[in-house]
Structure formats: structure tokens, C-alpha cells
């Protein structure tokens, strides 16, 4: 698992460049390879609000990609972007659902309720380990990252991979494929049109 979600790291200055960068980062979410992605905007950077305004301008009510705005520990604004259909499917996988309920999530599953529980933890200054499930990492890698004794670190390939690497490799290759696909799309489409074309 990556720890960058706990940092504030958005560094682009120009709005056009920023939106192209944003769509590249969100490509796997837009194209359904990942259920969500979390990005951070430092409060001490003057252009953070400009970037958030730029995001609001291309993610409207008709967008298939949604986001939650989270104030993090008086340091950053975090935006959790998610593909509702893909996230729903991911969280409702029986093993993921059992794990999340074990982590204190409601026994009655509702996507909005689960998102609120997660974002409230983040608001309180805690990036919980189970965010890995929301981000689409295989559960075994989330459990390994949390220190499960039977899952040993195998390698680092996009995130920390534990145990049998085949499932993780398939997921990584799918993410890589969509990143390359979104780069090609950006050569002939605007960021807003790509967002609106998400299915």
C-alpha cells in the first residue's frame, strides 16, 4: 500500500496542465479499473482553492464520477473521487464486506453510509488502513499492510504486494492499461468531455 494518501502533494500551477494531470491520475477510476482515488490539496498553497474550483467546474451533477470533499487535520483538503457503480461492486464483494463490518462499518450496507464512516475517520486526522479496499487494492494486500502474520511482503509494484502476487499483478496491469488509454484520450478530448463520457 502507498502512504501518499496521508500527505499533501498536489504541485501543479497552471489550470490546464493541472486538469490534464488530474484526468491522468483519475483515468483508472473514470474507466472503471479502480473504484476510487484520493488526492490532497495543502491549505498553505495559494492555488489549492483555484484547483478545487477547477475540479468543481468539470465534475457537475451529471458526472458519473463523484467526489467527497474532506477537511483533513487543518492541513489539507482531501478529495475522494469515486466511481459509484465500481465502488459499490467492490465493497459488496463478500470478503470485503465481512472485513469492513469487522472494522466497525454498519452491518446494514449502504454505499453512502460506508463513505460517510470512512470520510469521518479522515476528518479526524486518521487515514485508516481499510481505505485500501475503497481504493481497489486486493484485500490480501490490505491485510498484509496491516500486519497479518501469514502474509509476507512479496514486492512493491504500485503498492505493497503481500502473499501470492498474481491477483495483484492482474490489478496493476489493468490500472496501467487504463492509464495509457486515458493518455491517448487526452490527445483528442478535453478533460471535461472525458469525465462526461465515463460510464
N, C-alpha and C. Protein backbone atom coordinates (compact mmCIF):
# COMPACT_ATOMS: atom_id res chain seq x y z
N UNK A 1 0.85 -1.19 0.00
CA UNK A 1 0.00 0.00 0.00
C UNK A 1 0.89 1.24 0.00
N UNK A 2 0.38 2.29 -0.59
CA UNK A 2 1.12 3.53 -0.60
C UNK A 2 0.65 4.39 0.57
N UNK A 3 1.56 5.19 1.09
CA UNK A 3 1.20 6.08 2.18
C UNK A 3 0.98 7.51 1.68
N UNK A 4 1.08 7.75 0.35
CA UNK A 4 0.99 9.12 -0.12
C UNK A 4 -0.37 9.72 0.16
N UNK A 5 -1.39 8.89 0.38
CA UNK A 5 -2.72 9.43 0.67
C UNK A 5 -2.72 10.22 1.98
N UNK A 6 -1.72 10.04 2.83
CA UNK A 6 -1.63 10.78 4.07
C UNK A 6 -0.88 12.09 3.93
N UNK A 7 -0.42 12.39 2.72
CA UNK A 7 0.38 13.59 2.52
C UNK A 7 -0.38 14.59 1.67
N UNK A 8 0.13 15.82 1.63
CA UNK A 8 -0.40 16.86 0.76
C UNK A 8 0.61 17.05 -0.36
N UNK A 9 0.24 16.75 -1.60
CA UNK A 9 1.29 16.70 -2.60
C UNK A 9 0.93 17.26 -3.97
N UNK A 10 -0.20 17.92 -4.14
CA UNK A 10 -0.59 18.42 -5.45
C UNK A 10 0.20 19.68 -5.78
N UNK A 11 1.03 19.64 -6.84
CA UNK A 11 2.01 20.70 -7.04
C UNK A 11 1.84 21.49 -8.35
N UNK A 12 0.84 21.21 -9.15
CA UNK A 12 0.70 21.89 -10.45
C UNK A 12 0.21 23.32 -10.28
N UNK A 13 0.67 24.20 -11.16
CA UNK A 13 0.37 25.63 -11.06
C UNK A 13 -0.66 26.08 -12.09
N UNK A 14 -0.56 25.61 -13.33
CA UNK A 14 -1.41 26.05 -14.41
C UNK A 14 -2.69 25.20 -14.45
N UNK A 15 -3.86 25.85 -14.61
CA UNK A 15 -5.13 25.12 -14.55
C UNK A 15 -5.24 24.06 -15.63
N UNK A 16 -4.85 24.40 -16.87
CA UNK A 16 -4.96 23.43 -17.97
C UNK A 16 -4.06 22.23 -17.72
N UNK A 17 -2.81 22.49 -17.34
CA UNK A 17 -1.89 21.39 -17.02
C UNK A 17 -2.43 20.58 -15.85
N UNK A 18 -2.96 21.27 -14.87
CA UNK A 18 -3.49 20.59 -13.69
C UNK A 18 -4.63 19.65 -14.05
N UNK A 19 -5.57 20.12 -14.89
CA UNK A 19 -6.71 19.27 -15.25
C UNK A 19 -6.27 18.06 -16.07
N UNK A 20 -5.28 18.24 -16.94
CA UNK A 20 -4.75 17.09 -17.68
C UNK A 20 -4.09 16.10 -16.72
N UNK A 21 -3.32 16.62 -15.77
CA UNK A 21 -2.69 15.76 -14.75
C UNK A 21 -3.76 15.03 -13.95
N UNK A 22 -4.80 15.75 -13.55
CA UNK A 22 -5.89 15.17 -12.76
C UNK A 22 -6.55 14.01 -13.49
N UNK A 23 -6.87 14.22 -14.78
CA UNK A 23 -7.54 13.18 -15.55
C UNK A 23 -6.63 11.97 -15.74
N UNK A 24 -5.34 12.20 -15.91
CA UNK A 24 -4.40 11.07 -15.99
C UNK A 24 -4.42 10.26 -14.70
N UNK A 25 -4.38 10.96 -13.56
CA UNK A 25 -4.40 10.28 -12.26
C UNK A 25 -5.72 9.53 -12.07
N UNK A 26 -6.82 10.15 -12.48
CA UNK A 26 -8.15 9.55 -12.28
C UNK A 26 -8.55 8.59 -13.38
N UNK A 27 -7.70 8.43 -14.40
CA UNK A 27 -8.03 7.55 -15.52
C UNK A 27 -8.54 6.18 -15.10
N UNK A 28 -7.85 5.47 -14.20
CA UNK A 28 -8.33 4.16 -13.79
C UNK A 28 -9.72 4.20 -13.12
N UNK A 29 -10.05 5.30 -12.44
CA UNK A 29 -11.38 5.44 -11.84
C UNK A 29 -12.41 5.72 -12.93
N UNK A 30 -12.09 6.65 -13.83
CA UNK A 30 -13.00 7.02 -14.91
C UNK A 30 -13.34 5.81 -15.77
N UNK A 31 -12.32 4.97 -16.04
CA UNK A 31 -12.51 3.82 -16.93
C UNK A 31 -12.87 2.54 -16.18
N UNK A 32 -13.08 2.64 -14.87
CA UNK A 32 -13.62 1.51 -14.11
C UNK A 32 -12.61 0.48 -13.62
N UNK A 33 -11.30 0.77 -13.74
CA UNK A 33 -10.30 -0.18 -13.25
C UNK A 33 -10.06 -0.04 -11.74
N UNK A 34 -10.37 1.14 -11.20
CA UNK A 34 -10.26 1.39 -9.76
C UNK A 34 -11.57 1.99 -9.27
N UNK A 35 -11.99 1.65 -8.07
CA UNK A 35 -13.23 2.24 -7.55
C UNK A 35 -13.07 3.68 -7.09
N UNK A 36 -11.86 4.06 -6.63
CA UNK A 36 -11.70 5.42 -6.11
C UNK A 36 -10.23 5.82 -6.10
N UNK A 37 -10.03 7.11 -5.85
CA UNK A 37 -8.68 7.69 -5.71
C UNK A 37 -8.80 8.86 -4.76
N UNK A 38 -7.77 9.08 -3.95
CA UNK A 38 -7.80 10.21 -3.01
C UNK A 38 -6.62 11.14 -3.31
N UNK A 39 -6.90 12.43 -3.37
CA UNK A 39 -5.88 13.45 -3.65
C UNK A 39 -5.94 14.52 -2.57
N UNK A 40 -4.80 15.17 -2.36
CA UNK A 40 -4.67 16.15 -1.29
C UNK A 40 -4.26 17.51 -1.82
N UNK A 41 -4.83 18.56 -1.23
CA UNK A 41 -4.56 19.94 -1.62
C UNK A 41 -4.20 20.73 -0.36
N UNK A 42 -2.91 21.11 -0.21
CA UNK A 42 -2.46 21.78 1.02
C UNK A 42 -3.12 23.14 1.22
N UNK A 43 -3.56 23.41 2.42
CA UNK A 43 -4.21 24.69 2.71
C UNK A 43 -3.23 25.85 2.64
N UNK A 44 -1.93 25.59 2.83
CA UNK A 44 -0.96 26.69 2.81
C UNK A 44 -0.59 27.12 1.38
N UNK A 45 -1.02 26.36 0.37
CA UNK A 45 -0.71 26.73 -1.01
C UNK A 45 -1.82 27.62 -1.56
N UNK A 46 -1.43 28.77 -2.09
CA UNK A 46 -2.40 29.77 -2.54
C UNK A 46 -3.29 29.26 -3.66
N UNK A 47 -2.77 28.36 -4.50
CA UNK A 47 -3.56 27.92 -5.65
C UNK A 47 -4.42 26.69 -5.39
N UNK A 48 -4.42 26.19 -4.17
CA UNK A 48 -5.24 25.00 -3.88
C UNK A 48 -6.72 25.25 -4.12
N UNK A 49 -7.22 26.42 -3.71
CA UNK A 49 -8.64 26.71 -3.91
C UNK A 49 -8.96 26.87 -5.40
N UNK A 50 -8.00 27.40 -6.18
CA UNK A 50 -8.19 27.51 -7.62
C UNK A 50 -8.32 26.12 -8.24
N UNK A 51 -7.49 25.19 -7.77
CA UNK A 51 -7.54 23.83 -8.29
C UNK A 51 -8.86 23.15 -7.94
N UNK A 52 -9.31 23.36 -6.71
CA UNK A 52 -10.59 22.77 -6.30
C UNK A 52 -11.73 23.37 -7.12
N UNK A 53 -11.67 24.67 -7.38
CA UNK A 53 -12.69 25.31 -8.24
C UNK A 53 -12.66 24.73 -9.65
N UNK A 54 -11.46 24.46 -10.16
CA UNK A 54 -11.33 23.86 -11.50
C UNK A 54 -11.97 22.47 -11.51
N UNK A 55 -11.77 21.73 -10.44
CA UNK A 55 -12.39 20.40 -10.32
C UNK A 55 -13.91 20.53 -10.31
N UNK A 56 -14.41 21.47 -9.51
CA UNK A 56 -15.87 21.67 -9.43
C UNK A 56 -16.46 22.05 -10.78
N UNK A 57 -15.65 22.72 -11.62
CA UNK A 57 -16.16 23.16 -12.92
C UNK A 57 -16.32 22.00 -13.91
N UNK A 58 -15.58 20.90 -13.72
CA UNK A 58 -15.72 19.79 -14.67
C UNK A 58 -16.46 18.58 -14.08
N UNK A 59 -16.60 18.55 -12.76
CA UNK A 59 -17.38 17.48 -12.13
C UNK A 59 -18.72 18.07 -11.71
N UNK A 60 -19.70 17.98 -12.59
CA UNK A 60 -21.01 18.53 -12.26
C UNK A 60 -21.95 17.41 -11.84
N UNK A 61 -23.21 17.76 -11.65
CA UNK A 61 -24.18 16.78 -11.15
C UNK A 61 -24.42 15.63 -12.12
N UNK A 62 -24.13 15.85 -13.42
CA UNK A 62 -24.35 14.80 -14.41
C UNK A 62 -23.17 13.85 -14.53
N UNK A 63 -22.08 14.15 -13.84
CA UNK A 63 -20.88 13.32 -13.96
C UNK A 63 -21.11 11.95 -13.33
N UNK A 64 -20.57 10.92 -13.98
CA UNK A 64 -20.66 9.56 -13.43
C UNK A 64 -19.61 9.34 -12.34
N UNK A 65 -18.65 10.26 -12.24
CA UNK A 65 -17.64 10.20 -11.19
C UNK A 65 -18.01 11.22 -10.12
N UNK A 66 -18.09 10.76 -8.88
CA UNK A 66 -18.46 11.64 -7.77
C UNK A 66 -17.23 11.89 -6.90
N UNK A 67 -17.35 12.84 -5.99
CA UNK A 67 -16.25 13.05 -5.04
C UNK A 67 -16.78 13.58 -3.72
N UNK A 68 -16.01 13.31 -2.68
CA UNK A 68 -16.28 13.83 -1.34
C UNK A 68 -15.14 14.78 -0.98
N UNK A 69 -15.50 15.92 -0.44
CA UNK A 69 -14.52 16.92 -0.01
C UNK A 69 -14.34 16.76 1.50
N UNK A 70 -13.09 16.58 1.93
CA UNK A 70 -12.80 16.28 3.33
C UNK A 70 -11.74 17.23 3.86
N UNK A 71 -12.04 17.94 4.93
CA UNK A 71 -11.02 18.76 5.59
C UNK A 71 -10.20 17.85 6.49
N UNK A 72 -8.90 17.80 6.21
CA UNK A 72 -8.02 16.86 6.90
C UNK A 72 -7.10 17.57 7.88
N UNK A 73 -7.42 17.46 9.16
CA UNK A 73 -6.49 17.85 10.22
C UNK A 73 -5.95 19.27 10.10
N UNK A 74 -6.75 20.18 9.53
CA UNK A 74 -6.35 21.58 9.33
C UNK A 74 -5.08 21.74 8.49
N UNK A 75 -4.77 20.72 7.68
CA UNK A 75 -3.57 20.78 6.83
C UNK A 75 -3.93 20.79 5.35
N UNK A 76 -4.91 20.00 4.99
CA UNK A 76 -5.24 19.79 3.59
C UNK A 76 -6.75 19.72 3.41
N UNK A 77 -7.15 19.93 2.17
CA UNK A 77 -8.47 19.47 1.73
C UNK A 77 -8.19 18.21 0.93
N UNK A 78 -8.82 17.13 1.32
CA UNK A 78 -8.68 15.88 0.57
C UNK A 78 -9.95 15.67 -0.25
N UNK A 79 -9.76 15.22 -1.48
CA UNK A 79 -10.89 14.88 -2.33
C UNK A 79 -10.84 13.39 -2.62
N UNK A 80 -11.90 12.70 -2.23
CA UNK A 80 -12.02 11.27 -2.52
C UNK A 80 -12.92 11.14 -3.75
N UNK A 81 -12.32 10.86 -4.89
CA UNK A 81 -13.06 10.66 -6.14
C UNK A 81 -13.48 9.20 -6.21
N UNK A 82 -14.68 8.93 -6.67
CA UNK A 82 -15.11 7.54 -6.76
C UNK A 82 -16.10 7.33 -7.90
N UNK A 83 -16.05 6.11 -8.42
CA UNK A 83 -16.98 5.65 -9.45
C UNK A 83 -18.05 4.87 -8.69
N UNK A 84 -19.23 5.44 -8.47
CA UNK A 84 -20.21 4.80 -7.58
C UNK A 84 -20.51 3.34 -7.91
N UNK A 85 -20.68 3.01 -9.18
CA UNK A 85 -21.02 1.63 -9.55
C UNK A 85 -19.88 0.67 -9.23
N UNK A 86 -18.65 1.08 -9.56
CA UNK A 86 -17.49 0.21 -9.33
C UNK A 86 -17.21 0.10 -7.84
N UNK A 87 -17.36 1.20 -7.11
CA UNK A 87 -17.13 1.16 -5.66
C UNK A 87 -18.17 0.27 -4.98
N UNK A 88 -19.40 0.41 -5.39
CA UNK A 88 -20.47 -0.44 -4.83
C UNK A 88 -20.15 -1.91 -5.04
N UNK A 89 -19.76 -2.25 -6.25
CA UNK A 89 -19.42 -3.64 -6.58
C UNK A 89 -18.24 -4.13 -5.74
N UNK A 90 -17.24 -3.27 -5.56
CA UNK A 90 -16.04 -3.64 -4.79
C UNK A 90 -16.38 -3.87 -3.32
N UNK A 91 -17.11 -2.93 -2.73
CA UNK A 91 -17.41 -3.03 -1.30
C UNK A 91 -18.36 -4.18 -1.00
N UNK A 92 -19.21 -4.54 -1.96
CA UNK A 92 -20.18 -5.61 -1.73
C UNK A 92 -19.62 -7.00 -1.98
N UNK A 93 -18.36 -7.08 -2.44
CA UNK A 93 -17.73 -8.41 -2.54
C UNK A 93 -17.75 -9.01 -1.14
N UNK A 94 -18.23 -10.25 -1.00
CA UNK A 94 -18.43 -10.82 0.35
C UNK A 94 -17.23 -10.70 1.28
N UNK A 95 -16.03 -10.98 0.78
CA UNK A 95 -14.85 -10.92 1.68
C UNK A 95 -14.55 -9.48 2.10
N UNK A 96 -14.74 -8.53 1.18
CA UNK A 96 -14.52 -7.12 1.53
C UNK A 96 -15.57 -6.64 2.53
N UNK A 97 -16.81 -7.03 2.31
CA UNK A 97 -17.90 -6.61 3.19
C UNK A 97 -17.71 -7.17 4.60
N UNK A 98 -17.32 -8.44 4.69
CA UNK A 98 -17.06 -9.04 6.01
C UNK A 98 -15.94 -8.28 6.72
N UNK A 99 -14.88 -7.97 5.98
CA UNK A 99 -13.75 -7.24 6.56
C UNK A 99 -14.18 -5.87 7.06
N UNK A 100 -14.92 -5.13 6.26
CA UNK A 100 -15.33 -3.77 6.65
C UNK A 100 -16.26 -3.80 7.85
N UNK A 101 -17.16 -4.76 7.90
CA UNK A 101 -18.04 -4.89 9.07
C UNK A 101 -17.20 -5.19 10.32
N UNK A 102 -16.17 -6.01 10.15
CA UNK A 102 -15.26 -6.31 11.26
C UNK A 102 -14.52 -5.05 11.72
N UNK A 103 -14.31 -4.11 10.79
CA UNK A 103 -13.61 -2.86 11.10
C UNK A 103 -14.55 -1.78 11.64
N UNK A 104 -15.80 -2.14 11.89
CA UNK A 104 -16.73 -1.21 12.53
C UNK A 104 -17.76 -0.57 11.61
N UNK A 105 -17.75 -0.94 10.33
CA UNK A 105 -18.74 -0.40 9.41
C UNK A 105 -20.09 -1.06 9.68
N UNK A 106 -21.14 -0.38 9.30
CA UNK A 106 -22.50 -0.82 9.61
C UNK A 106 -22.77 -2.24 9.10
N UNK A 107 -23.54 -2.99 9.87
CA UNK A 107 -23.93 -4.32 9.42
C UNK A 107 -24.95 -4.24 8.29
N UNK A 108 -25.62 -3.08 8.19
CA UNK A 108 -26.55 -2.84 7.07
C UNK A 108 -25.80 -2.03 6.02
N UNK A 109 -25.43 -2.68 4.92
CA UNK A 109 -24.62 -1.99 3.91
C UNK A 109 -25.42 -0.94 3.15
N UNK A 110 -24.84 0.26 3.08
CA UNK A 110 -25.29 1.32 2.18
C UNK A 110 -24.04 2.06 1.75
N UNK A 111 -23.88 2.30 0.46
CA UNK A 111 -22.67 2.96 -0.04
C UNK A 111 -22.44 4.29 0.66
N UNK A 112 -23.48 5.12 0.73
CA UNK A 112 -23.33 6.45 1.32
C UNK A 112 -22.94 6.37 2.79
N UNK A 113 -23.52 5.41 3.49
CA UNK A 113 -23.21 5.23 4.92
C UNK A 113 -21.75 4.81 5.11
N UNK A 114 -21.27 3.93 4.25
CA UNK A 114 -19.88 3.47 4.34
C UNK A 114 -18.91 4.59 3.99
N UNK A 115 -19.25 5.39 2.98
CA UNK A 115 -18.40 6.52 2.62
C UNK A 115 -18.35 7.54 3.75
N UNK A 116 -19.48 7.78 4.39
CA UNK A 116 -19.52 8.75 5.49
C UNK A 116 -18.67 8.27 6.66
N UNK A 117 -18.72 6.97 6.95
CA UNK A 117 -17.91 6.41 8.05
C UNK A 117 -16.43 6.57 7.75
N UNK A 118 -16.04 6.29 6.50
CA UNK A 118 -14.64 6.44 6.10
C UNK A 118 -14.20 7.90 6.16
N UNK A 119 -14.99 8.79 5.56
CA UNK A 119 -14.58 10.20 5.49
C UNK A 119 -14.56 10.85 6.87
N UNK A 120 -15.40 10.40 7.77
CA UNK A 120 -15.37 10.94 9.14
C UNK A 120 -14.06 10.58 9.83
N UNK A 121 -13.57 9.37 9.61
CA UNK A 121 -12.26 8.99 10.17
C UNK A 121 -11.17 9.90 9.62
N UNK A 122 -11.24 10.18 8.32
CA UNK A 122 -10.22 11.04 7.70
C UNK A 122 -10.31 12.45 8.26
N UNK A 123 -11.53 12.96 8.42
CA UNK A 123 -11.72 14.30 9.00
C UNK A 123 -11.06 14.41 10.38
N UNK A 124 -11.07 13.33 11.10
CA UNK A 124 -10.49 13.33 12.45
C UNK A 124 -8.97 13.17 12.43
N UNK A 125 -8.38 13.17 11.22
CA UNK A 125 -6.92 13.12 11.11
C UNK A 125 -6.34 11.73 10.99
N UNK A 126 -7.18 10.75 10.65
CA UNK A 126 -6.73 9.37 10.56
C UNK A 126 -6.98 8.83 9.16
N UNK A 127 -5.91 8.37 8.48
CA UNK A 127 -6.10 7.68 7.21
C UNK A 127 -6.17 6.19 7.54
N UNK A 128 -7.37 5.62 7.60
CA UNK A 128 -7.50 4.24 8.07
C UNK A 128 -6.97 3.24 7.05
N UNK A 129 -6.42 2.13 7.54
CA UNK A 129 -5.86 1.12 6.65
C UNK A 129 -6.88 0.57 5.68
N UNK A 130 -8.13 0.48 6.10
CA UNK A 130 -9.14 -0.11 5.22
C UNK A 130 -9.45 0.73 4.00
N UNK A 131 -8.89 1.95 3.93
CA UNK A 131 -9.08 2.76 2.73
C UNK A 131 -8.56 2.01 1.50
N UNK A 132 -7.61 1.09 1.72
CA UNK A 132 -7.10 0.29 0.61
C UNK A 132 -8.18 -0.47 -0.12
N UNK A 133 -9.19 -0.95 0.61
CA UNK A 133 -10.31 -1.65 -0.03
C UNK A 133 -11.09 -0.67 -0.91
N UNK A 134 -11.35 0.53 -0.40
CA UNK A 134 -12.06 1.55 -1.17
C UNK A 134 -11.27 1.94 -2.42
N UNK A 135 -9.95 1.93 -2.33
CA UNK A 135 -9.09 2.30 -3.46
C UNK A 135 -8.90 1.15 -4.45
N UNK A 136 -9.43 -0.02 -4.11
CA UNK A 136 -9.40 -1.14 -5.06
C UNK A 136 -8.23 -2.08 -4.94
N UNK A 137 -7.44 -1.97 -3.87
CA UNK A 137 -6.34 -2.90 -3.70
C UNK A 137 -6.90 -4.25 -3.24
N UNK A 138 -6.28 -5.35 -3.65
CA UNK A 138 -6.75 -6.67 -3.19
C UNK A 138 -6.75 -6.74 -1.66
N UNK A 139 -7.76 -7.38 -1.11
CA UNK A 139 -7.89 -7.45 0.35
C UNK A 139 -6.65 -8.06 0.99
N UNK A 140 -6.06 -9.06 0.36
CA UNK A 140 -4.87 -9.69 0.94
C UNK A 140 -3.74 -8.68 1.13
N UNK A 141 -3.65 -7.70 0.21
CA UNK A 141 -2.60 -6.68 0.33
C UNK A 141 -2.93 -5.69 1.45
N UNK A 142 -4.21 -5.41 1.63
CA UNK A 142 -4.63 -4.54 2.74
C UNK A 142 -4.33 -5.24 4.07
N UNK A 143 -4.68 -6.52 4.15
CA UNK A 143 -4.43 -7.27 5.39
C UNK A 143 -2.94 -7.41 5.66
N UNK A 144 -2.16 -7.64 4.61
CA UNK A 144 -0.71 -7.74 4.76
C UNK A 144 -0.12 -6.43 5.26
N UNK A 145 -0.60 -5.32 4.70
CA UNK A 145 -0.14 -3.99 5.12
C UNK A 145 -0.47 -3.75 6.59
N UNK A 146 -1.58 -4.31 7.05
CA UNK A 146 -2.00 -4.15 8.44
C UNK A 146 -1.22 -5.08 9.38
N UNK A 147 -0.39 -5.96 8.81
CA UNK A 147 0.47 -6.80 9.64
C UNK A 147 -0.01 -8.22 9.84
N UNK A 148 -0.92 -8.71 9.00
CA UNK A 148 -1.39 -10.09 9.13
C UNK A 148 -0.18 -11.03 9.06
N UNK A 149 -0.01 -11.88 10.08
CA UNK A 149 1.22 -12.68 10.19
C UNK A 149 1.44 -13.68 9.05
N UNK A 150 0.39 -14.14 8.39
CA UNK A 150 0.57 -15.15 7.34
C UNK A 150 0.85 -14.53 5.97
N UNK A 151 0.82 -13.20 5.87
CA UNK A 151 1.03 -12.54 4.59
C UNK A 151 2.34 -11.75 4.62
N UNK A 152 3.31 -12.24 3.89
CA UNK A 152 4.63 -11.61 3.85
C UNK A 152 4.74 -10.70 2.62
N UNK A 153 5.50 -9.62 2.77
CA UNK A 153 5.72 -8.70 1.66
C UNK A 153 6.43 -9.44 0.53
N UNK A 154 5.81 -9.43 -0.64
CA UNK A 154 6.37 -10.10 -1.82
C UNK A 154 7.17 -9.13 -2.67
N UNK A 155 6.58 -7.95 -2.90
CA UNK A 155 7.25 -6.93 -3.72
C UNK A 155 6.48 -5.62 -3.61
N UNK A 156 7.05 -4.58 -4.19
CA UNK A 156 6.35 -3.30 -4.30
C UNK A 156 6.19 -3.03 -5.79
N UNK A 157 4.95 -2.95 -6.23
CA UNK A 157 4.65 -2.73 -7.64
C UNK A 157 3.39 -1.87 -7.72
N UNK A 158 3.57 -0.55 -7.58
CA UNK A 158 2.41 0.35 -7.49
C UNK A 158 1.92 0.48 -6.06
N UNK A 159 1.95 -0.59 -5.32
CA UNK A 159 1.63 -0.63 -3.89
C UNK A 159 2.35 -1.83 -3.30
N UNK A 160 2.25 -2.01 -2.00
CA UNK A 160 2.91 -3.15 -1.35
C UNK A 160 2.08 -4.41 -1.59
N UNK A 161 2.72 -5.40 -2.17
CA UNK A 161 2.05 -6.66 -2.52
C UNK A 161 2.45 -7.72 -1.50
N UNK A 162 1.45 -8.41 -0.96
CA UNK A 162 1.68 -9.43 0.06
C UNK A 162 1.15 -10.77 -0.44
N UNK A 163 1.87 -11.84 -0.10
CA UNK A 163 1.42 -13.17 -0.47
C UNK A 163 1.49 -13.40 -1.98
N UNK A 164 0.57 -14.21 -2.48
CA UNK A 164 0.52 -14.55 -3.91
C UNK A 164 0.36 -13.28 -4.74
N UNK A 165 1.29 -13.06 -5.65
CA UNK A 165 1.30 -11.80 -6.39
C UNK A 165 0.41 -11.79 -7.63
N UNK A 166 -0.16 -12.92 -8.02
CA UNK A 166 -0.88 -12.99 -9.30
C UNK A 166 -2.09 -12.06 -9.35
N UNK A 167 -2.91 -12.06 -8.32
CA UNK A 167 -4.08 -11.19 -8.28
C UNK A 167 -3.66 -9.72 -8.31
N UNK A 168 -2.63 -9.40 -7.56
CA UNK A 168 -2.13 -8.02 -7.52
C UNK A 168 -1.57 -7.60 -8.87
N UNK A 169 -0.87 -8.51 -9.55
CA UNK A 169 -0.32 -8.21 -10.87
C UNK A 169 -1.42 -7.94 -11.88
N UNK A 170 -2.48 -8.74 -11.82
CA UNK A 170 -3.62 -8.52 -12.74
C UNK A 170 -4.22 -7.14 -12.51
N UNK A 171 -4.41 -6.78 -11.25
CA UNK A 171 -4.99 -5.46 -10.93
C UNK A 171 -4.04 -4.35 -11.38
N UNK A 172 -2.75 -4.50 -11.11
CA UNK A 172 -1.78 -3.48 -11.50
C UNK A 172 -1.77 -3.30 -13.02
N UNK A 173 -1.77 -4.40 -13.76
CA UNK A 173 -1.75 -4.32 -15.23
C UNK A 173 -3.01 -3.67 -15.77
N UNK A 174 -4.15 -3.93 -15.12
CA UNK A 174 -5.40 -3.29 -15.53
C UNK A 174 -5.33 -1.78 -15.30
N UNK A 175 -4.79 -1.38 -14.17
CA UNK A 175 -4.63 0.05 -13.87
C UNK A 175 -3.69 0.71 -14.87
N UNK A 176 -2.58 0.04 -15.15
CA UNK A 176 -1.60 0.57 -16.11
C UNK A 176 -2.22 0.73 -17.49
N UNK A 177 -3.00 -0.26 -17.91
CA UNK A 177 -3.66 -0.20 -19.22
C UNK A 177 -4.58 1.01 -19.32
N UNK A 178 -5.36 1.27 -18.26
CA UNK A 178 -6.29 2.40 -18.31
C UNK A 178 -5.55 3.73 -18.23
N UNK A 179 -4.41 3.76 -17.54
CA UNK A 179 -3.61 5.00 -17.52
C UNK A 179 -3.11 5.33 -18.92
N UNK A 180 -2.66 4.32 -19.64
CA UNK A 180 -2.20 4.53 -21.01
C UNK A 180 -3.36 4.92 -21.92
N UNK A 181 -4.51 4.30 -21.70
CA UNK A 181 -5.69 4.61 -22.50
C UNK A 181 -6.13 6.06 -22.30
N UNK A 182 -6.11 6.52 -21.05
CA UNK A 182 -6.56 7.89 -20.77
C UNK A 182 -5.59 8.90 -21.36
N UNK A 183 -4.30 8.58 -21.40
CA UNK A 183 -3.32 9.47 -22.04
C UNK A 183 -3.64 9.64 -23.52
N UNK A 184 -4.01 8.54 -24.17
CA UNK A 184 -4.39 8.63 -25.59
C UNK A 184 -5.66 9.45 -25.76
N UNK A 185 -6.61 9.28 -24.86
CA UNK A 185 -7.87 10.03 -24.93
C UNK A 185 -7.62 11.53 -24.79
N UNK A 186 -6.67 11.89 -23.93
CA UNK A 186 -6.38 13.31 -23.69
C UNK A 186 -5.76 14.00 -24.90
N UNK A 187 -5.26 13.23 -25.85
CA UNK A 187 -4.68 13.82 -27.05
C UNK A 187 -5.75 14.39 -27.98
N UNK A 188 -6.98 13.90 -27.84
CA UNK A 188 -8.03 14.38 -28.75
C UNK A 188 -9.32 14.78 -28.04
N UNK A 189 -9.34 14.75 -26.71
CA UNK A 189 -10.54 15.11 -25.95
C UNK A 189 -10.17 16.02 -24.79
N UNK A 190 -11.13 16.84 -24.36
CA UNK A 190 -10.90 17.72 -23.21
C UNK A 190 -11.14 16.94 -21.92
N UNK A 191 -10.55 17.39 -20.82
CA UNK A 191 -10.81 16.74 -19.53
C UNK A 191 -12.31 16.63 -19.22
N UNK A 192 -13.06 17.70 -19.48
CA UNK A 192 -14.49 17.68 -19.15
C UNK A 192 -15.23 16.64 -19.99
N UNK A 193 -14.91 16.54 -21.29
CA UNK A 193 -15.61 15.57 -22.13
C UNK A 193 -15.27 14.14 -21.72
N UNK A 194 -14.05 13.92 -21.25
CA UNK A 194 -13.68 12.59 -20.77
C UNK A 194 -14.47 12.24 -19.51
N UNK A 195 -14.58 13.20 -18.60
CA UNK A 195 -15.37 12.98 -17.38
C UNK A 195 -16.82 12.65 -17.73
N UNK A 196 -17.39 13.40 -18.66
CA UNK A 196 -18.79 13.20 -19.03
C UNK A 196 -19.02 11.89 -19.77
N UNK A 197 -17.95 11.35 -20.37
CA UNK A 197 -18.10 10.09 -21.11
C UNK A 197 -17.95 8.87 -20.22
N UNK A 198 -17.60 9.07 -18.95
CA UNK A 198 -17.44 7.93 -18.03
C UNK A 198 -18.74 7.16 -17.95
N UNK A 199 -18.62 5.82 -17.96
CA UNK A 199 -19.84 5.00 -17.93
C UNK A 199 -19.94 4.21 -16.64
